[in-house]
Protein backbone atom coordinates (compact mmCIF):
# COMPACT_ATOMS: atom_id res chain seq x y z
CA UNK A 1 101.91 93.71 118.70
CA UNK A 2 98.78 92.30 120.40
CA UNK A 3 97.77 88.72 121.28
CA UNK A 4 95.33 88.58 118.35
CA UNK A 5 96.76 90.61 115.47
CA UNK A 6 99.75 92.51 114.16
CA UNK A 7 103.55 92.35 113.98
CA UNK A 8 106.40 94.71 113.11
CA UNK A 9 109.16 93.28 110.92
CA UNK A 10 112.63 94.82 110.88
CA UNK A 11 115.95 94.27 109.08
CA UNK A 12 114.45 93.87 105.62
CA UNK A 13 114.46 96.07 102.51
CA UNK A 14 111.19 95.45 100.74
CA UNK A 15 112.70 96.54 97.41
CA UNK A 16 115.45 93.90 97.67
CA UNK A 17 114.00 90.91 99.50
CA UNK A 18 115.79 87.61 99.10
CA UNK A 19 113.66 84.57 98.35
CA UNK A 20 113.97 83.49 101.97
CA UNK A 21 112.88 86.92 103.24
CA UNK A 22 109.96 86.93 100.81
CA UNK A 23 108.82 83.53 102.10
CA UNK A 24 109.14 84.73 105.71
CA UNK A 25 107.09 87.88 104.99
CA UNK A 26 104.41 85.81 103.25
CA UNK A 27 104.30 83.45 106.22
CA UNK A 28 104.09 86.37 108.64
CA UNK A 29 100.98 87.68 106.86
CA UNK A 30 99.28 84.33 107.44
CA UNK A 31 100.26 84.28 111.10
CA UNK A 32 99.66 87.91 112.10
CA UNK A 33 97.07 89.15 109.51
CA UNK A 34 98.72 92.60 109.28
CA UNK A 35 102.43 93.38 109.32
CA UNK A 36 104.31 96.66 109.46
CA UNK A 37 107.68 97.94 108.26
CA UNK A 38 109.65 101.11 109.05
CA UNK A 39 112.14 103.09 106.94
CA UNK A 40 111.05 101.87 103.52
CA UNK A 41 111.37 104.83 101.11
CA UNK A 42 109.23 103.93 98.10
CA UNK A 43 107.73 105.63 95.08
CA UNK A 44 104.74 104.44 93.01
CA UNK A 45 106.91 102.30 90.73
CA UNK A 46 108.80 100.56 93.54
CA UNK A 47 105.61 100.04 95.58
CA UNK A 48 104.08 98.40 92.53
CA UNK A 49 107.12 96.17 92.18
CA UNK A 50 106.86 95.09 95.82
CA UNK A 51 103.16 94.30 95.46
CA UNK A 52 103.64 92.31 92.27
CA UNK A 53 105.95 89.87 94.03
CA UNK A 54 102.89 88.68 95.97
CA UNK A 55 100.58 88.49 92.96
CA UNK A 56 98.89 90.48 90.18
CA UNK A 57 97.63 93.89 91.24
CA UNK A 58 93.95 94.80 91.23
CA UNK A 59 92.69 98.08 89.81
CA UNK A 60 90.71 100.02 92.43
CA UNK A 61 87.18 101.27 91.82
CA UNK A 62 88.49 104.85 92.20
CA UNK A 63 91.07 106.10 89.73
CA UNK A 64 94.74 105.29 90.10
CA UNK A 65 97.74 107.33 89.01
CA UNK A 66 97.95 108.21 85.28
CA UNK A 67 101.31 106.45 84.87
CA UNK A 68 100.54 103.65 87.33
CA UNK A 69 96.80 102.84 87.28
CA UNK A 70 97.32 100.01 89.82
CA UNK A 71 98.59 102.56 92.37
CA UNK A 72 96.11 104.76 94.21
CA UNK A 73 97.22 108.00 95.83
CA UNK A 74 95.86 108.58 99.35
CA UNK A 75 96.10 112.23 100.35
CA UNK A 76 94.37 114.37 102.97
CA UNK A 77 94.95 118.05 103.73
CA UNK A 78 93.14 121.23 104.74
CA UNK A 79 90.84 120.96 101.71
CA UNK A 80 89.64 117.43 102.43
CA UNK A 81 85.98 116.91 103.27
CA UNK A 82 86.34 113.13 103.53
CA UNK A 83 89.26 110.74 103.73
CA UNK A 84 89.58 107.20 102.48
CA UNK A 85 88.78 104.55 105.07
CA UNK A 86 87.18 106.71 107.76
CA UNK A 87 84.77 103.88 108.61
CA UNK A 88 85.60 100.30 109.59
CA UNK A 89 85.82 98.37 106.32
CA UNK A 90 87.35 95.56 104.31
CA UNK A 91 88.87 96.83 101.05
CA UNK A 92 86.61 96.47 98.01
CA UNK A 93 84.29 93.86 99.52
CA UNK A 94 81.86 95.15 96.88
CA UNK A 95 83.93 93.37 94.21
CA UNK A 96 83.01 89.89 93.02
CA UNK A 97 86.56 88.85 94.00
CA UNK A 98 87.86 91.29 96.60
CA UNK A 99 91.64 91.77 96.87
CA UNK A 100 93.71 89.28 98.84
CA UNK A 101 95.63 92.07 100.51
CA UNK A 102 96.64 95.70 100.43
CA UNK A 103 99.98 97.44 100.90
CA UNK A 104 99.94 101.05 102.08
CA UNK A 105 103.00 103.32 102.10
CA UNK A 106 102.92 106.77 103.71
CA UNK A 107 105.66 109.34 103.14
CA UNK A 108 104.11 112.42 104.78
CA UNK A 109 102.47 112.38 108.21
CA UNK A 110 100.90 114.92 110.55
CA UNK A 111 102.89 115.92 113.63
CA UNK A 112 100.46 113.86 115.71
CA UNK A 113 97.61 111.51 114.86
CA UNK A 114 96.71 109.72 111.65
CA UNK A 115 96.98 106.19 113.10
CA UNK A 116 95.35 103.18 111.43
CA UNK A 117 93.47 100.60 113.50
CA UNK A 118 93.18 97.01 112.32
CA UNK A 119 90.79 94.33 113.67
CA UNK A 120 90.98 90.55 113.40
CA UNK A 121 87.84 89.02 111.96
CA UNK A 122 89.08 85.62 113.13
CA UNK A 123 88.87 86.95 116.68
CA UNK A 124 85.50 88.54 115.99
CA UNK A 125 84.08 85.24 114.74
CA UNK A 126 85.62 83.21 117.57
CA UNK A 127 84.08 85.54 120.18
CA UNK A 128 80.52 84.95 118.94
CA UNK A 129 78.30 82.55 120.87
CA UNK A 130 77.69 79.13 119.37
CA UNK A 131 74.03 80.10 118.90
CA UNK A 132 74.97 83.23 116.90
CA UNK A 133 77.49 81.28 114.80
CA UNK A 134 74.77 78.76 113.92
CA UNK A 135 72.31 81.56 113.11
CA UNK A 136 74.75 83.30 110.73
CA UNK A 137 75.98 80.15 109.00
CA UNK A 138 74.73 80.06 105.41
CA UNK A 139 73.56 83.68 105.30
CA UNK A 140 74.81 86.03 102.58
CA UNK A 141 75.14 89.80 102.45
CA UNK A 142 75.08 92.41 99.70
CA UNK A 143 78.14 94.70 99.55
CA UNK A 144 77.55 97.98 97.66
CA UNK A 145 80.40 100.16 96.47
CA UNK A 146 78.26 103.30 96.50
CA UNK A 147 78.13 103.21 100.30
CA UNK A 148 81.88 103.80 100.49
CA UNK A 149 82.68 105.65 97.27
CA UNK A 150 79.55 107.67 96.48
CA UNK A 151 80.80 110.59 98.58
CA UNK A 152 83.91 110.88 96.38
CA UNK A 153 82.15 110.40 93.04
CA UNK A 154 78.37 110.90 93.29
CA UNK A 155 77.87 110.10 89.57
CA UNK A 156 80.10 107.04 89.57
CA UNK A 157 79.04 103.45 88.94
CA UNK A 158 80.42 101.06 91.53
CA UNK A 159 80.35 97.27 91.86
CA UNK A 160 77.85 95.34 93.95
CA UNK A 161 78.56 91.80 95.11
CA UNK A 162 77.13 89.11 97.37
CA UNK A 163 79.35 87.25 99.83
CA UNK A 164 78.85 84.87 102.76
CA UNK A 165 78.44 86.50 106.17
CA UNK A 166 80.93 83.94 107.54
CA UNK A 167 83.92 83.42 105.28
CA UNK A 168 86.39 80.53 105.38
CA UNK A 169 89.92 81.72 104.65
CA UNK A 170 91.21 79.86 101.58
CA UNK A 171 94.72 79.36 103.01
CA UNK A 172 94.31 78.95 106.78
CA UNK A 173 90.86 77.33 106.75
CA UNK A 174 89.84 79.55 109.67
CA UNK A 175 86.41 81.19 109.77
CA UNK A 176 86.06 84.97 109.83
CA UNK A 177 83.19 87.45 109.88
CA UNK A 178 82.82 89.07 106.48
CA UNK A 179 80.51 92.05 106.91
CA UNK A 180 81.68 95.63 107.36
CA UNK A 181 80.17 99.03 107.98
CA UNK A 182 81.81 100.60 104.92
CA UNK A 183 80.29 98.35 102.26
CA UNK A 184 77.68 95.91 103.61
CA UNK A 185 74.13 97.02 102.80
CA UNK A 186 71.96 94.13 103.98
CA UNK A 187 71.73 90.45 104.81
CA UNK A 188 69.81 88.97 101.93
CA UNK A 189 67.87 86.17 103.65
CA UNK A 190 66.38 88.45 106.34
CA UNK A 191 63.65 91.07 106.31
CA UNK A 192 65.07 94.60 106.32
CA UNK A 193 64.39 95.37 110.02
CA UNK A 194 65.99 92.09 111.12
CA UNK A 195 68.92 92.63 108.74
CA UNK A 196 69.46 96.15 110.07
CA UNK A 197 69.45 94.92 113.67
CA UNK A 198 71.82 92.01 113.03
CA UNK A 199 74.22 94.15 110.99
CA UNK A 200 74.31 96.82 113.69
CA UNK A 201 75.20 94.17 116.26
CA UNK A 202 77.89 92.69 113.99
CA UNK A 203 79.39 96.08 113.07
CA UNK A 204 79.63 97.05 116.74
CA UNK A 205 80.99 93.61 117.62
CA UNK A 206 83.70 93.79 114.92
CA UNK A 207 84.92 97.11 116.35
CA UNK A 208 85.61 95.61 119.80
CA UNK A 209 89.00 96.86 120.95
CA UNK A 210 90.00 93.37 122.11
CA UNK A 211 90.28 92.34 118.44
CA UNK A 212 92.46 95.29 117.43
CA UNK A 213 95.93 96.66 116.91
CA UNK A 214 96.62 100.38 116.34
CA UNK A 215 99.60 101.39 114.20
CA UNK A 216 101.34 104.73 114.72
CA UNK A 217 102.80 105.79 111.41
CA UNK A 218 106.18 107.37 110.82
CA UNK A 219 107.38 108.74 107.45
CA UNK A 220 108.22 105.88 105.06
CA UNK A 221 106.32 103.23 107.00
CA UNK A 222 104.45 100.39 105.27
CA UNK A 223 101.41 98.36 106.33
CA UNK A 224 100.54 95.08 104.57
CA UNK A 225 97.27 93.40 105.57
CA UNK A 226 95.36 90.25 104.65
CA UNK A 227 92.09 91.69 103.41
CA UNK A 228 90.26 88.35 103.78
CA UNK A 229 90.37 88.26 107.58
CA UNK A 230 90.76 91.89 108.74
CA UNK A 231 89.03 95.23 108.84
CA UNK A 232 90.71 98.60 109.26
CA UNK A 233 89.93 102.21 110.10
CA UNK A 234 91.88 105.32 109.09
CA UNK A 235 91.64 107.69 112.08
CA UNK A 236 91.12 111.24 110.79
CA UNK A 237 92.13 113.21 113.87
CA UNK A 238 94.77 115.42 112.26
CA UNK A 239 92.80 117.96 110.19
CA UNK A 240 94.03 120.30 108.65
CA UNK A 241 97.46 118.68 108.48
CA UNK A 242 98.72 116.54 105.59
CA UNK A 243 98.78 112.75 105.46
CA UNK A 244 99.88 111.35 102.11
CA UNK A 245 101.07 108.17 100.40
CA UNK A 246 100.22 105.38 97.99
CA UNK A 247 98.47 102.01 98.06
CA UNK A 248 98.27 98.88 95.92
CA UNK A 249 95.88 95.94 96.12
CA UNK A 250 96.83 92.33 95.36
CA UNK A 251 94.39 90.08 93.55
CA UNK A 252 93.06 87.04 95.35
CA UNK A 253 94.46 84.11 93.38
CA UNK A 254 91.93 81.82 95.02
CA UNK A 255 89.26 83.62 92.93
CA UNK A 256 86.44 82.64 95.31
CA UNK A 257 84.90 83.83 98.55
CA UNK A 258 83.78 80.79 100.55
């Protein structure tokens, strides 16, 4: 879809993938970082089944469905004061082991708007100067779940984790920036003013349109992204219309952030 990120895959039924199709989809995630599918009518149970082919599912910090706790409902309408993902973020980077990937299915869309933008953190890292790469190497950052989720549950207790500012992908071996506006609170080895300045630069840098792809949803579309090397943004430009669907998160079998 763009030179740096994203691909649309056709002629596959996610509920009935052959072993060969499954291997091709898994390979496409590694190559393109986020992949999209059209015309995939799913319900919570079938979405969970699709996700579980790629690995165990991770329970989200916010509540899932009563019958399917691994499945989170994403819904926005005329009563919404906030929507999930309205800042650039990497899913659950506040967890000690953030999810490997996420699969989002939307069944109801506004008449116009509601796109999701994705950005390659490989491209963001590669575009840094050698001096900035050297400066950031070895630094760590604190990721605080309250920054993202406190608006939805002010009394909730959310995870806090420390991760490297530059992450090495466990499968591809490529380096990626691993700070995001939604969760990252500070760089631990820097004084607060310096941390604030560096994070502002990095957040703005990660949002550069040259690193991005923008997906226009249709009913029964699916997005599947590698959470270890991407960020995304849900564009809330459709109020008061309805945008609704379900999401699952796949555990990172590597179990480490390096």
